[in-house]
Amino acid sequence: MLPQCRCLDEPYPVPKFSIVEQDVKELARQLREFLTEFEECFSRSEPPLCQYN
């Protein structure tokens, strides 16, 4: 299932990058904005787990 270039005998090197706390905070802010903008598109409904008589 992997591309031919990743099936050779050497493992695929995962690129490294640095991430700082501000990056995480910014991502969280953008995610909140996205969810606020599209909150009507995301609904969550779950069946009741237990039904008591």
N, C-alpha and C. Protein backbone atom coordinates (compact mmCIF):
# COMPACT_ATOMS: atom_id res chain seq x y z
N MET A 1 0.80 -1.20 0.00
CA MET A 1 0.00 0.00 0.00
C MET A 1 0.85 1.27 0.00
N LEU A 2 2.12 1.15 0.37
CA LEU A 2 2.98 2.32 0.38
C LEU A 2 3.50 2.61 -1.02
N PRO A 3 3.81 3.87 -1.29
CA PRO A 3 4.43 4.19 -2.58
C PRO A 3 5.75 3.45 -2.73
N GLN A 4 6.13 3.19 -3.95
CA GLN A 4 7.35 2.43 -4.22
C GLN A 4 8.57 3.07 -3.56
N CYS A 5 8.62 4.40 -3.55
CA CYS A 5 9.78 5.08 -2.97
C CYS A 5 9.90 4.85 -1.47
N ARG A 6 8.83 4.40 -0.82
CA ARG A 6 8.88 4.14 0.62
C ARG A 6 8.98 2.66 0.93
N CYS A 7 9.09 1.84 -0.08
CA CYS A 7 9.15 0.40 0.14
C CYS A 7 10.56 -0.15 0.03
N LEU A 8 11.51 0.70 -0.15
CA LEU A 8 12.89 0.23 -0.23
C LEU A 8 13.34 -0.25 1.14
N ASP A 9 14.54 -0.81 1.20
CA ASP A 9 14.99 -1.40 2.45
C ASP A 9 15.30 -0.39 3.54
N GLU A 10 15.44 0.89 3.24
CA GLU A 10 15.67 1.88 4.28
C GLU A 10 14.33 2.44 4.75
N PRO A 11 14.19 2.65 6.05
CA PRO A 11 12.93 3.24 6.53
C PRO A 11 12.79 4.69 6.07
N TYR A 12 11.55 5.10 5.94
CA TYR A 12 11.27 6.47 5.52
C TYR A 12 11.63 7.42 6.66
N PRO A 13 12.49 8.41 6.43
CA PRO A 13 12.84 9.35 7.51
C PRO A 13 11.70 10.35 7.74
N VAL A 14 11.26 10.45 8.96
CA VAL A 14 10.20 11.39 9.30
C VAL A 14 10.84 12.77 9.45
N PRO A 15 10.35 13.75 8.70
CA PRO A 15 10.93 15.09 8.81
C PRO A 15 10.74 15.65 10.22
N LYS A 16 11.75 16.31 10.72
CA LYS A 16 11.68 16.89 12.05
C LYS A 16 11.33 18.36 11.94
N PHE A 17 10.62 18.86 12.91
CA PHE A 17 10.29 20.27 12.96
C PHE A 17 10.19 20.66 14.42
N SER A 18 10.33 21.92 14.67
CA SER A 18 10.22 22.38 16.06
C SER A 18 8.84 22.99 16.26
N ILE A 19 8.30 22.75 17.41
CA ILE A 19 7.00 23.30 17.76
C ILE A 19 7.12 23.89 19.15
N VAL A 20 6.57 25.07 19.30
CA VAL A 20 6.65 25.76 20.58
C VAL A 20 5.24 25.95 21.14
N GLU A 21 5.16 26.31 22.38
CA GLU A 21 3.86 26.46 23.05
C GLU A 21 2.94 27.42 22.30
N GLN A 22 3.50 28.49 21.77
CA GLN A 22 2.68 29.47 21.04
C GLN A 22 2.03 28.84 19.80
N ASP A 23 2.72 27.90 19.16
CA ASP A 23 2.15 27.20 18.00
C ASP A 23 0.89 26.43 18.41
N VAL A 24 0.96 25.76 19.55
CA VAL A 24 -0.17 24.98 20.03
C VAL A 24 -1.33 25.90 20.39
N LYS A 25 -1.02 27.01 21.06
CA LYS A 25 -2.07 27.98 21.42
C LYS A 25 -2.75 28.54 20.18
N GLU A 26 -1.96 28.85 19.16
CA GLU A 26 -2.51 29.39 17.91
C GLU A 26 -3.39 28.35 17.21
N LEU A 27 -2.94 27.12 17.19
CA LEU A 27 -3.74 26.05 16.58
C LEU A 27 -5.06 25.89 17.32
N ALA A 28 -5.02 25.93 18.65
CA ALA A 28 -6.24 25.81 19.44
C ALA A 28 -7.19 26.97 19.16
N ARG A 29 -6.64 28.17 19.03
CA ARG A 29 -7.47 29.34 18.72
C ARG A 29 -8.14 29.18 17.36
N GLN A 30 -7.37 28.75 16.37
CA GLN A 30 -7.93 28.58 15.03
C GLN A 30 -8.99 27.47 15.02
N LEU A 31 -8.77 26.42 15.77
CA LEU A 31 -9.74 25.34 15.84
C LEU A 31 -11.04 25.83 16.47
N ARG A 32 -10.94 26.61 17.55
CA ARG A 32 -12.15 27.18 18.17
C ARG A 32 -12.91 28.05 17.18
N GLU A 33 -12.19 28.88 16.43
CA GLU A 33 -12.83 29.73 15.42
C GLU A 33 -13.54 28.89 14.37
N PHE A 34 -12.88 27.85 13.90
CA PHE A 34 -13.46 26.97 12.89
C PHE A 34 -14.73 26.32 13.41
N LEU A 35 -14.65 25.76 14.63
CA LEU A 35 -15.82 25.08 15.19
C LEU A 35 -16.96 26.05 15.44
N THR A 36 -16.65 27.28 15.84
CA THR A 36 -17.69 28.29 16.04
C THR A 36 -18.35 28.62 14.71
N GLU A 37 -17.55 28.78 13.68
CA GLU A 37 -18.08 29.14 12.35
C GLU A 37 -18.98 28.04 11.79
N PHE A 38 -18.64 26.79 12.05
CA PHE A 38 -19.36 25.68 11.45
C PHE A 38 -20.09 24.82 12.48
N GLU A 39 -20.44 25.39 13.64
CA GLU A 39 -21.03 24.58 14.70
C GLU A 39 -22.35 23.93 14.28
N GLU A 40 -23.07 24.54 13.38
CA GLU A 40 -24.32 23.94 12.92
C GLU A 40 -24.08 22.67 12.09
N CYS A 41 -22.89 22.53 11.55
CA CYS A 41 -22.57 21.36 10.74
C CYS A 41 -22.15 20.17 11.58
N PHE A 42 -21.76 20.43 12.82
CA PHE A 42 -21.29 19.36 13.69
C PHE A 42 -22.33 19.10 14.76
N SER A 43 -22.90 17.94 14.74
CA SER A 43 -23.84 17.59 15.80
C SER A 43 -23.39 16.26 16.39
N ARG A 44 -23.78 16.07 17.61
CA ARG A 44 -23.39 14.83 18.27
C ARG A 44 -24.63 14.25 18.91
N SER A 45 -24.99 13.08 18.49
CA SER A 45 -26.12 12.40 19.10
C SER A 45 -25.69 10.98 19.41
N GLU A 46 -26.00 10.57 20.60
CA GLU A 46 -25.63 9.23 21.03
C GLU A 46 -26.84 8.55 21.64
N PRO A 47 -26.99 7.28 21.40
CA PRO A 47 -28.11 6.57 22.04
C PRO A 47 -27.86 6.47 23.54
N PRO A 48 -28.92 6.40 24.31
CA PRO A 48 -28.73 6.24 25.76
C PRO A 48 -28.00 4.93 26.06
N LEU A 49 -27.08 4.96 27.01
CA LEU A 49 -26.33 3.77 27.34
C LEU A 49 -27.17 2.81 28.18
N CYS A 50 -27.87 3.36 29.14
CA CYS A 50 -28.68 2.53 30.04
C CYS A 50 -30.08 3.10 30.11
N GLN A 51 -31.03 2.24 30.15
CA GLN A 51 -32.41 2.70 30.33
C GLN A 51 -32.93 2.09 31.62
N TYR A 52 -33.25 2.96 32.53
CA TYR A 52 -33.77 2.52 33.82
C TYR A 52 -35.28 2.56 33.80
N ASN A 53 -35.92 1.55 34.36
CA ASN A 53 -37.39 1.53 34.42
C ASN A 53 -37.87 2.09 35.71
